[in-house]
Amino acid sequence: MTSLATTLAAPDAATLKAKERERRAAWPQPFALRIHRAVSWLGRAEREPDDRDAAFILLWIALNAAYADLDAESLDERGRFAQFAADLVRLDGAGRIYDALWRRFSQEVRLVFDNRYVFRPFWDHHNSGGTLARDWP
């Protein structure tokens, strides 16, 4: 089975870990921790080449580790995720992320955005009996 890094023509976790080690001293501590966690979860996903379901879940955790703590108090959960995706696309000079998100996997990405169960405010609202996450549609 082809690895995810090969499929997306992206660096693997070991390559990203080496870059993280080179640069982390210059990063704010919360950002460095998020990147460390994201790369670690990516590495764990790479060790599941025969279980695509497990790999997907581990990659989802990696994505959340990377974007979850953005300093965007004015945005809701979907807005933060959309802003994160837009920042990734903007910073990817080769256009690989745009191609993956909007050309190759656009249907899957739209399904995730439209799925209320993947966003925390839905569960906050549900678990609080409707008293939390008032901005949840």
C-alpha atoms as a PDB file:
ATOM      1  CA  MET A   1       0.000   0.000   0.000  1.00  0.00           C
ATOM      2  CA  THR A   2       1.271   3.477  -0.871  1.00  0.00           C
ATOM      3  CA  SER A   3       2.072   5.726   2.081  1.00  0.00           C
ATOM      4  CA  LEU A   4       0.124   8.903   2.693  1.00  0.00           C
ATOM      5  CA  ALA A   5       3.265  11.020   2.271  1.00  0.00           C
ATOM      6  CA  THR A   6       3.885   9.437  -1.130  1.00  0.00           C
ATOM      7  CA  THR A   7       0.260   9.868  -2.178  1.00  0.00           C
ATOM      8  CA  LEU A   8       0.314  13.584  -1.363  1.00  0.00           C
ATOM      9  CA  ALA A   9       3.966  14.089  -2.367  1.00  0.00           C
ATOM     10  CA  ALA A  10       4.501  15.396   1.153  1.00  0.00           C
ATOM     11  CA  PRO A  11       7.400  14.987   3.581  1.00  0.00           C
ATOM     12  CA  ASP A  12       7.085  12.117   6.029  1.00  0.00           C
ATOM     13  CA  ALA A  13       6.993  12.486   9.810  1.00  0.00           C
ATOM     14  CA  ALA A  14      10.740  11.858  10.206  1.00  0.00           C
ATOM     15  CA  THR A  15      11.539  14.706   7.790  1.00  0.00           C
ATOM     16  CA  LEU A  16       9.093  17.023   9.540  1.00  0.00           C
ATOM     17  CA  LYS A  17      10.481  16.029  12.946  1.00  0.00           C
ATOM     18  CA  ALA A  18      13.982  16.994  11.806  1.00  0.00           C
ATOM     19  CA  LYS A  19      12.694  20.387  10.591  1.00  0.00           C
ATOM     20  CA  GLU A  20      10.809  20.875  13.853  1.00  0.00           C
ATOM     21  CA  ARG A  21      13.971  20.212  15.881  1.00  0.00           C
ATOM     22  CA  GLU A  22      15.918  22.720  13.775  1.00  0.00           C
ATOM     23  CA  ARG A  23      13.377  25.502  14.203  1.00  0.00           C
ATOM     24  CA  ARG A  24      11.520  25.007  17.486  1.00  0.00           C
ATOM     25  CA  ALA A  25      13.842  27.201  19.576  1.00  0.00           C
ATOM     26  CA  ALA A  26      12.598  30.225  17.633  1.00  0.00           C
ATOM     27  CA  TRP A  27       8.914  29.386  18.096  1.00  0.00           C
ATOM     28  CA  PRO A  28       6.629  30.391  20.951  1.00  0.00           C
ATOM     29  CA  GLN A  29       6.227  27.468  23.355  1.00  0.00           C
ATOM     30  CA  PRO A  30       2.500  26.819  22.682  1.00  0.00           C
ATOM     31  CA  PHE A  31       3.120  26.715  18.927  1.00  0.00           C
ATOM     32  CA  ALA A  32       6.153  24.437  19.325  1.00  0.00           C
ATOM     33  CA  LEU A  33       4.103  22.058  21.462  1.00  0.00           C
ATOM     34  CA  ARG A  34       1.277  21.959  18.902  1.00  0.00           C
ATOM     35  CA  ILE A  35       3.715  21.187  16.081  1.00  0.00           C
ATOM     36  CA  HIS A  36       5.464  18.526  18.163  1.00  0.00           C
ATOM     37  CA  ARG A  37       2.147  16.824  18.886  1.00  0.00           C
ATOM     38  CA  ALA A  38       0.955  17.052  15.293  1.00  0.00           C
ATOM     39  CA  VAL A  39       4.165  15.534  13.922  1.00  0.00           C
ATOM     40  CA  SER A  40       4.058  12.780  16.546  1.00  0.00           C
ATOM     41  CA  TRP A  41       0.493  11.847  15.583  1.00  0.00           C
ATOM     42  CA  LEU A  42       1.452  11.954  11.910  1.00  0.00           C
ATOM     43  CA  GLY A  43       4.260   9.505  12.660  1.00  0.00           C
ATOM     44  CA  ARG A  44       1.814   7.242  14.442  1.00  0.00           C
ATOM     45  CA  ALA A  45      -0.543   7.338  11.435  1.00  0.00           C
ATOM     46  CA  GLU A  46       2.316   6.348   9.143  1.00  0.00           C
ATOM     47  CA  ARG A  47       2.731   3.169  11.178  1.00  0.00           C
ATOM     48  CA  GLU A  48      -0.762   2.022  10.126  1.00  0.00           C
ATOM     49  CA  PRO A  49      -0.322   1.375   6.381  1.00  0.00           C
ATOM     50  CA  ASP A  50      -2.769  -1.535   6.371  1.00  0.00           C
ATOM     51  CA  ASP A  51      -5.514   0.059   8.472  1.00  0.00           C
ATOM     52  CA  ARG A  52      -6.792   3.120   6.661  1.00  0.00           C
ATOM     53  CA  ASP A  53      -9.516   3.725   9.250  1.00  0.00           C
ATOM     54  CA  ALA A  54      -6.969   3.901  12.078  1.00  0.00           C
ATOM     55  CA  ALA A  55      -4.658   6.036   9.939  1.00  0.00           C
ATOM     56  CA  PHE A  56      -7.510   8.461   9.191  1.00  0.00           C
ATOM     57  CA  ILE A  57      -8.368   8.821  12.887  1.00  0.00           C
ATOM     58  CA  LEU A  58      -4.710   9.374  13.784  1.00  0.00           C
ATOM     59  CA  LEU A  59      -4.357  11.957  11.007  1.00  0.00           C
ATOM     60  CA  TRP A  60      -7.498  13.697  12.276  1.00  0.00           C
ATOM     61  CA  ILE A  61      -5.893  13.906  15.720  1.00  0.00           C
ATOM     62  CA  ALA A  62      -2.710  15.288  14.130  1.00  0.00           C
ATOM     63  CA  LEU A  63      -4.717  17.951  12.314  1.00  0.00           C
ATOM     64  CA  ASN A  64      -6.511  18.936  15.502  1.00  0.00           C
ATOM     65  CA  ALA A  65      -3.219  19.083  17.377  1.00  0.00           C
ATOM     66  CA  ALA A  66      -1.917  21.539  14.797  1.00  0.00           C
ATOM     67  CA  TYR A  67      -4.869  23.898  14.566  1.00  0.00           C
ATOM     68  CA  ALA A  68      -6.901  23.520  17.759  1.00  0.00           C
ATOM     69  CA  ASP A  69      -5.273  26.304  19.751  1.00  0.00           C
ATOM     70  CA  LEU A  70      -5.330  29.102  17.217  1.00  0.00           C
ATOM     71  CA  ASP A  71      -5.641  32.583  18.606  1.00  0.00           C
ATOM     72  CA  ALA A  72      -8.929  33.374  16.898  1.00  0.00           C
ATOM     73  CA  GLU A  73     -11.421  34.068  19.655  1.00  0.00           C
ATOM     74  CA  SER A  74     -13.762  35.879  17.287  1.00  0.00           C
ATOM     75  CA  LEU A  75     -14.228  32.803  15.083  1.00  0.00           C
ATOM     76  CA  ASP A  76     -16.416  29.804  15.783  1.00  0.00           C
ATOM     77  CA  GLU A  77     -15.066  26.254  15.455  1.00  0.00           C
ATOM     78  CA  ARG A  78     -15.825  26.013  11.743  1.00  0.00           C
ATOM     79  CA  GLY A  79     -14.329  29.438  11.192  1.00  0.00           C
ATOM     80  CA  ARG A  80     -11.093  28.481  12.961  1.00  0.00           C
ATOM     81  CA  PHE A  81     -10.826  25.320  10.895  1.00  0.00           C
ATOM     82  CA  ALA A  82     -11.511  27.221   7.672  1.00  0.00           C
ATOM     83  CA  GLN A  83      -8.923  29.854   8.636  1.00  0.00           C
ATOM     84  CA  PHE A  84      -6.376  27.138   9.375  1.00  0.00           C
ATOM     85  CA  ALA A  85      -7.008  25.478   6.000  1.00  0.00           C
ATOM     86  CA  ALA A  86      -6.734  28.855   4.244  1.00  0.00           C
ATOM     87  CA  ASP A  87      -3.418  29.556   5.997  1.00  0.00           C
ATOM     88  CA  LEU A  88      -2.065  26.152   4.953  1.00  0.00           C
ATOM     89  CA  VAL A  89      -3.060  26.761   1.341  1.00  0.00           C
ATOM     90  CA  ARG A  90      -1.529  30.254   1.406  1.00  0.00           C
ATOM     91  CA  LEU A  91       1.788  28.995   2.826  1.00  0.00           C
ATOM     92  CA  ASP A  92       2.052  26.040   0.422  1.00  0.00           C
ATOM     93  CA  GLY A  93       3.913  27.557  -2.522  1.00  0.00           C
ATOM     94  CA  ALA A  94       3.672  24.357  -4.558  1.00  0.00           C
ATOM     95  CA  GLY A  95      -0.127  24.222  -4.308  1.00  0.00           C
ATOM     96  CA  ARG A  96      -0.159  20.618  -3.060  1.00  0.00           C
ATOM     97  CA  ILE A  97      -2.509  21.291  -0.165  1.00  0.00           C
ATOM     98  CA  TYR A  98      -4.985  23.177  -2.347  1.00  0.00           C
ATOM     99  CA  ASP A  99      -4.948  20.317  -4.849  1.00  0.00           C
ATOM    100  CA  ALA A 100      -5.486  17.744  -2.106  1.00  0.00           C
ATOM    101  CA  LEU A 101      -8.262  19.680  -0.352  1.00  0.00           C
ATOM    102  CA  TRP A 102     -10.213  21.071  -3.288  1.00  0.00           C
ATOM    103  CA  ARG A 103      -9.378  18.933  -6.306  1.00  0.00           C
ATOM    104  CA  ARG A 104      -8.584  15.437  -5.112  1.00  0.00           C
ATOM    105  CA  PHE A 105     -10.627  15.206  -1.890  1.00  0.00           C
ATOM    106  CA  SER A 106     -13.125  18.054  -2.246  1.00  0.00           C
ATOM    107  CA  GLN A 107     -16.164  15.863  -1.660  1.00  0.00           C
ATOM    108  CA  GLU A 108     -14.653  14.388   1.493  1.00  0.00           C
ATOM    109  CA  VAL A 109     -13.649  17.817   2.799  1.00  0.00           C
ATOM    110  CA  ARG A 110     -17.152  19.153   2.239  1.00  0.00           C
ATOM    111  CA  LEU A 111     -18.617  16.156   4.066  1.00  0.00           C
ATOM    112  CA  VAL A 112     -16.407  16.917   7.060  1.00  0.00           C
ATOM    113  CA  PHE A 113     -17.388  20.595   7.076  1.00  0.00           C
ATOM    114  CA  ASP A 114     -21.061  19.668   6.858  1.00  0.00           C
ATOM    115  CA  ASN A 115     -20.884  17.024   9.591  1.00  0.00           C
ATOM    116  CA  ARG A 116     -21.973  18.553  12.873  1.00  0.00           C
ATOM    117  CA  TYR A 117     -20.575  15.633  14.873  1.00  0.00           C
ATOM    118  CA  VAL A 118     -16.924  16.499  14.213  1.00  0.00           C
ATOM    119  CA  PHE A 119     -17.031  19.933  15.809  1.00  0.00           C
ATOM    120  CA  ARG A 120     -16.756  20.394  19.563  1.00  0.00           C
ATOM    121  CA  PRO A 121     -19.448  23.071  19.925  1.00  0.00           C
ATOM    122  CA  PHE A 122     -22.069  20.553  18.827  1.00  0.00           C
ATOM    123  CA  TRP A 123     -21.065  18.250  21.683  1.00  0.00           C
ATOM    124  CA  ASP A 124     -20.759  21.104  24.183  1.00  0.00           C
ATOM    125  CA  HIS A 125     -24.268  22.195  23.275  1.00  0.00           C
ATOM    126  CA  HIS A 126     -25.618  18.634  23.366  1.00  0.00           C
ATOM    127  CA  ASN A 127     -23.938  17.674  26.646  1.00  0.00           C
ATOM    128  CA  SER A 128     -24.991  20.867  28.419  1.00  0.00           C
ATOM    129  CA  GLY A 129     -28.656  20.447  27.621  1.00  0.00           C
ATOM    130  CA  GLY A 130     -28.480  23.384  25.259  1.00  0.00           C
ATOM    131  CA  THR A 131     -26.927  25.930  27.629  1.00  0.00           C
ATOM    132  CA  LEU A 132     -23.443  26.047  26.085  1.00  0.00           C
ATOM    133  CA  ALA A 133     -22.183  26.886  22.606  1.00  0.00           C
ATOM    134  CA  ARG A 134     -25.097  29.190  21.865  1.00  0.00           C
ATOM    135  CA  ASP A 135     -23.591  29.989  18.490  1.00  0.00           C
ATOM    136  CA  TRP A 136     -24.007  26.391  17.371  1.00  0.00           C
ATOM    137  CA  PRO A 137     -26.584  26.171  14.554  1.00  0.00           C
END
